N, C-alpha and C. Protein backbone atom coordinates (compact mmCIF):
# COMPACT_ATOMS: atom_id res chain seq x y z
N MET A 1 1.88 13.46 -61.37
CA MET A 1 1.74 12.03 -61.63
C MET A 1 1.56 11.28 -60.32
N LEU A 2 0.65 10.38 -60.33
CA LEU A 2 0.39 9.57 -59.16
C LEU A 2 1.60 8.71 -58.82
N GLY A 3 1.97 8.69 -57.56
CA GLY A 3 3.08 7.86 -57.12
C GLY A 3 4.43 8.53 -57.16
N GLU A 4 4.53 9.69 -57.80
CA GLU A 4 5.80 10.38 -57.83
C GLU A 4 5.99 11.15 -56.54
N ASN A 5 7.22 11.15 -56.05
CA ASN A 5 7.53 11.88 -54.83
C ASN A 5 8.08 13.24 -55.20
N HIS A 6 7.37 14.30 -54.82
CA HIS A 6 7.81 15.66 -55.12
C HIS A 6 8.37 16.37 -53.91
N ASP A 7 8.68 15.62 -52.86
CA ASP A 7 9.36 16.18 -51.71
C ASP A 7 10.63 16.88 -52.21
N LEU A 8 10.95 18.02 -51.65
CA LEU A 8 12.08 18.82 -52.14
C LEU A 8 13.40 18.05 -52.10
N PHE A 9 13.58 17.18 -51.11
CA PHE A 9 14.80 16.40 -51.03
C PHE A 9 14.91 15.40 -52.18
N HIS A 10 13.76 14.94 -52.70
CA HIS A 10 13.75 14.05 -53.86
C HIS A 10 13.86 14.83 -55.16
N GLU A 11 13.29 16.01 -55.19
CA GLU A 11 13.33 16.84 -56.38
C GLU A 11 14.73 17.41 -56.64
N LEU A 12 15.44 17.75 -55.57
CA LEU A 12 16.76 18.37 -55.69
C LEU A 12 17.76 17.66 -54.77
N PRO A 13 18.02 16.37 -55.01
CA PRO A 13 18.86 15.61 -54.09
C PRO A 13 20.30 16.14 -53.97
N GLU A 14 20.78 16.79 -55.01
CA GLU A 14 22.13 17.34 -54.97
C GLU A 14 22.26 18.50 -53.98
N TYR A 15 21.13 19.05 -53.54
CA TYR A 15 21.12 20.16 -52.59
C TYR A 15 20.62 19.75 -51.21
N LYS A 16 20.59 18.46 -50.95
CA LYS A 16 20.03 17.95 -49.69
C LYS A 16 20.61 18.67 -48.47
N ASP A 17 21.92 18.74 -48.37
CA ASP A 17 22.56 19.38 -47.21
C ASP A 17 22.29 20.87 -47.18
N ARG A 18 22.35 21.51 -48.34
CA ARG A 18 22.14 22.96 -48.41
C ARG A 18 20.70 23.31 -48.06
N ILE A 19 19.75 22.48 -48.47
CA ILE A 19 18.34 22.70 -48.13
C ILE A 19 18.18 22.71 -46.61
N ALA A 20 18.77 21.72 -45.96
CA ALA A 20 18.68 21.64 -44.50
C ALA A 20 19.32 22.85 -43.84
N GLU A 21 20.47 23.30 -44.36
CA GLU A 21 21.16 24.46 -43.80
C GLU A 21 20.32 25.73 -43.94
N LEU A 22 19.81 25.95 -45.15
CA LEU A 22 19.03 27.16 -45.38
C LEU A 22 17.70 27.14 -44.64
N LYS A 23 17.11 25.99 -44.53
CA LYS A 23 15.84 25.88 -43.80
C LYS A 23 16.05 26.31 -42.34
N ALA A 24 17.18 25.99 -41.79
CA ALA A 24 17.48 26.35 -40.40
C ALA A 24 17.94 27.80 -40.25
N ALA A 25 18.59 28.35 -41.27
CA ALA A 25 19.25 29.64 -41.12
C ALA A 25 18.58 30.82 -41.83
N ASP A 26 17.74 30.54 -42.82
CA ASP A 26 17.19 31.60 -43.65
C ASP A 26 15.65 31.60 -43.55
N PRO A 27 15.08 32.60 -42.86
CA PRO A 27 13.63 32.63 -42.68
C PRO A 27 12.85 32.66 -44.00
N GLN A 28 13.35 33.38 -45.00
CA GLN A 28 12.68 33.43 -46.30
C GLN A 28 12.64 32.05 -46.94
N PHE A 29 13.79 31.37 -46.94
CA PHE A 29 13.87 30.03 -47.51
C PHE A 29 12.95 29.08 -46.75
N SER A 30 12.98 29.17 -45.43
CA SER A 30 12.16 28.30 -44.58
C SER A 30 10.67 28.48 -44.88
N LYS A 31 10.22 29.72 -45.06
CA LYS A 31 8.81 30.00 -45.37
C LYS A 31 8.45 29.40 -46.72
N LEU A 32 9.29 29.61 -47.74
CA LEU A 32 9.03 29.04 -49.06
C LEU A 32 9.01 27.52 -49.00
N TYR A 33 9.94 26.96 -48.25
CA TYR A 33 10.02 25.50 -48.08
C TYR A 33 8.72 24.96 -47.46
N ASP A 34 8.26 25.62 -46.40
CA ASP A 34 7.02 25.20 -45.74
C ASP A 34 5.82 25.33 -46.67
N ASP A 35 5.76 26.43 -47.43
CA ASP A 35 4.68 26.62 -48.39
C ASP A 35 4.71 25.53 -49.45
N TYR A 36 5.90 25.23 -49.97
CA TYR A 36 6.05 24.19 -50.99
C TYR A 36 5.52 22.86 -50.46
N HIS A 37 5.94 22.49 -49.27
CA HIS A 37 5.54 21.19 -48.74
C HIS A 37 4.06 21.13 -48.36
N ALA A 38 3.48 22.24 -47.97
CA ALA A 38 2.04 22.26 -47.69
C ALA A 38 1.26 22.04 -48.99
N ILE A 39 1.66 22.71 -50.05
CA ILE A 39 1.00 22.53 -51.34
C ILE A 39 1.24 21.12 -51.87
N ASN A 40 2.46 20.65 -51.73
CA ASN A 40 2.78 19.30 -52.19
C ASN A 40 1.92 18.26 -51.47
N ALA A 41 1.73 18.42 -50.17
CA ALA A 41 0.90 17.48 -49.41
C ALA A 41 -0.55 17.52 -49.90
N GLU A 42 -1.04 18.71 -50.22
CA GLU A 42 -2.40 18.81 -50.73
C GLU A 42 -2.53 18.14 -52.09
N VAL A 43 -1.56 18.34 -52.97
CA VAL A 43 -1.57 17.70 -54.29
C VAL A 43 -1.54 16.17 -54.11
N GLU A 44 -0.73 15.69 -53.19
CA GLU A 44 -0.66 14.25 -52.96
C GLU A 44 -2.01 13.70 -52.48
N ARG A 45 -2.69 14.44 -51.61
CA ARG A 45 -4.02 14.00 -51.15
C ARG A 45 -5.01 13.95 -52.32
N ILE A 46 -4.91 14.91 -53.21
CA ILE A 46 -5.77 14.93 -54.40
C ILE A 46 -5.46 13.73 -55.29
N GLU A 47 -4.18 13.48 -55.52
CA GLU A 47 -3.79 12.36 -56.38
C GLU A 47 -4.22 11.02 -55.79
N LEU A 48 -4.26 10.93 -54.47
CA LEU A 48 -4.72 9.70 -53.81
C LEU A 48 -6.25 9.67 -53.67
N GLN A 49 -6.89 10.70 -54.20
CA GLN A 49 -8.35 10.85 -54.17
C GLN A 49 -8.92 10.95 -52.76
N ILE A 50 -8.09 11.43 -51.84
CA ILE A 50 -8.57 11.73 -50.49
C ILE A 50 -9.38 13.02 -50.55
N GLU A 51 -8.94 13.92 -51.41
CA GLU A 51 -9.67 15.15 -51.70
C GLU A 51 -9.97 15.13 -53.20
N THR A 52 -11.10 15.71 -53.59
CA THR A 52 -11.47 15.68 -55.01
C THR A 52 -11.95 17.05 -55.49
N PRO A 53 -11.06 18.04 -55.50
CA PRO A 53 -11.45 19.36 -56.01
C PRO A 53 -11.50 19.35 -57.54
N SER A 54 -11.81 20.49 -58.10
CA SER A 54 -11.87 20.61 -59.56
C SER A 54 -10.48 20.45 -60.18
N ASP A 55 -10.46 20.08 -61.44
CA ASP A 55 -9.19 19.96 -62.17
C ASP A 55 -8.49 21.30 -62.24
N THR A 56 -9.26 22.37 -62.38
CA THR A 56 -8.67 23.71 -62.46
C THR A 56 -7.93 24.03 -61.17
N TYR A 57 -8.54 23.74 -60.03
CA TYR A 57 -7.90 23.99 -58.74
C TYR A 57 -6.63 23.16 -58.61
N THR A 58 -6.69 21.90 -59.01
CA THR A 58 -5.54 21.01 -58.93
C THR A 58 -4.40 21.54 -59.79
N GLU A 59 -4.70 21.97 -61.00
CA GLU A 59 -3.66 22.52 -61.89
C GLU A 59 -3.06 23.80 -61.32
N THR A 60 -3.89 24.62 -60.69
CA THR A 60 -3.40 25.84 -60.05
C THR A 60 -2.42 25.49 -58.93
N LEU A 61 -2.76 24.49 -58.14
CA LEU A 61 -1.85 24.05 -57.07
C LEU A 61 -0.53 23.56 -57.64
N LYS A 62 -0.60 22.75 -58.69
CA LYS A 62 0.62 22.20 -59.30
C LYS A 62 1.50 23.32 -59.87
N LYS A 63 0.88 24.33 -60.46
CA LYS A 63 1.65 25.47 -60.98
C LYS A 63 2.29 26.25 -59.84
N ARG A 64 1.56 26.42 -58.75
CA ARG A 64 2.11 27.12 -57.58
C ARG A 64 3.29 26.33 -57.00
N ARG A 65 3.13 25.01 -56.93
CA ARG A 65 4.22 24.15 -56.43
C ARG A 65 5.46 24.31 -57.31
N LEU A 66 5.27 24.32 -58.61
CA LEU A 66 6.40 24.47 -59.53
C LEU A 66 7.05 25.84 -59.36
N HIS A 67 6.23 26.88 -59.20
CA HIS A 67 6.77 28.23 -59.00
C HIS A 67 7.60 28.29 -57.71
N LEU A 68 7.08 27.70 -56.64
CA LEU A 68 7.83 27.68 -55.38
C LEU A 68 9.13 26.90 -55.52
N LYS A 69 9.08 25.78 -56.24
CA LYS A 69 10.30 25.00 -56.45
C LYS A 69 11.33 25.83 -57.22
N ASP A 70 10.89 26.58 -58.21
CA ASP A 70 11.79 27.45 -58.96
C ASP A 70 12.40 28.52 -58.06
N GLU A 71 11.58 29.10 -57.19
CA GLU A 71 12.10 30.11 -56.25
C GLU A 71 13.13 29.50 -55.31
N LEU A 72 12.81 28.34 -54.76
CA LEU A 72 13.73 27.66 -53.85
C LEU A 72 15.03 27.29 -54.56
N TYR A 73 14.91 26.79 -55.77
CA TYR A 73 16.10 26.42 -56.55
C TYR A 73 16.96 27.67 -56.80
N GLY A 74 16.31 28.79 -57.12
CA GLY A 74 17.04 30.03 -57.33
C GLY A 74 17.81 30.44 -56.09
N LEU A 75 17.19 30.33 -54.92
CA LEU A 75 17.88 30.66 -53.68
C LEU A 75 19.04 29.69 -53.41
N LEU A 76 18.82 28.42 -53.72
CA LEU A 76 19.89 27.43 -53.53
C LEU A 76 21.07 27.75 -54.44
N ARG A 77 20.79 28.09 -55.68
CA ARG A 77 21.86 28.42 -56.63
C ARG A 77 22.59 29.69 -56.23
N LYS A 78 21.80 30.69 -55.78
CA LYS A 78 22.38 31.98 -55.40
C LYS A 78 23.30 31.84 -54.19
N THR A 79 22.95 30.99 -53.26
CA THR A 79 23.74 30.84 -52.05
C THR A 79 24.77 29.72 -52.15
N GLU A 80 24.76 29.02 -53.29
CA GLU A 80 25.65 27.87 -53.47
C GLU A 80 27.12 28.25 -53.28
N HIS A 81 27.50 29.39 -53.84
CA HIS A 81 28.90 29.81 -53.77
C HIS A 81 29.27 30.34 -52.38
N ALA A 82 28.26 30.73 -51.62
CA ALA A 82 28.51 31.24 -50.28
C ALA A 82 28.50 30.14 -49.23
N ALA A 83 28.19 28.93 -49.68
CA ALA A 83 28.13 27.80 -48.73
C ALA A 83 29.50 27.50 -48.15
N PRO A 84 29.56 27.21 -46.85
CA PRO A 84 30.86 26.88 -46.25
C PRO A 84 31.38 25.54 -46.79
N ALA A 85 32.68 25.47 -46.91
CA ALA A 85 33.30 24.22 -47.39
C ALA A 85 33.21 23.15 -46.32
N HIS A 86 32.97 21.92 -46.77
CA HIS A 86 32.87 20.81 -45.83
C HIS A 86 34.11 19.98 -45.84
């Protein structure tokens, strides 16, 4: 949707601190995070009509973004119990 912010910190605000921790400490998480944000930036450019690829390509990107978000969420949930107490 145009105008919606799909930045991971907006998508999963309850994990804001954990996202920052894992991004710094976990190379796998960091790579997925970077991939997610690269795809998200491309989708945003398409939605703003800066880029105008086919609808099929756009839908493929959105599905990939959702898949990455699911992977990241799974890692956040898996490591949630191992997180140090604040």
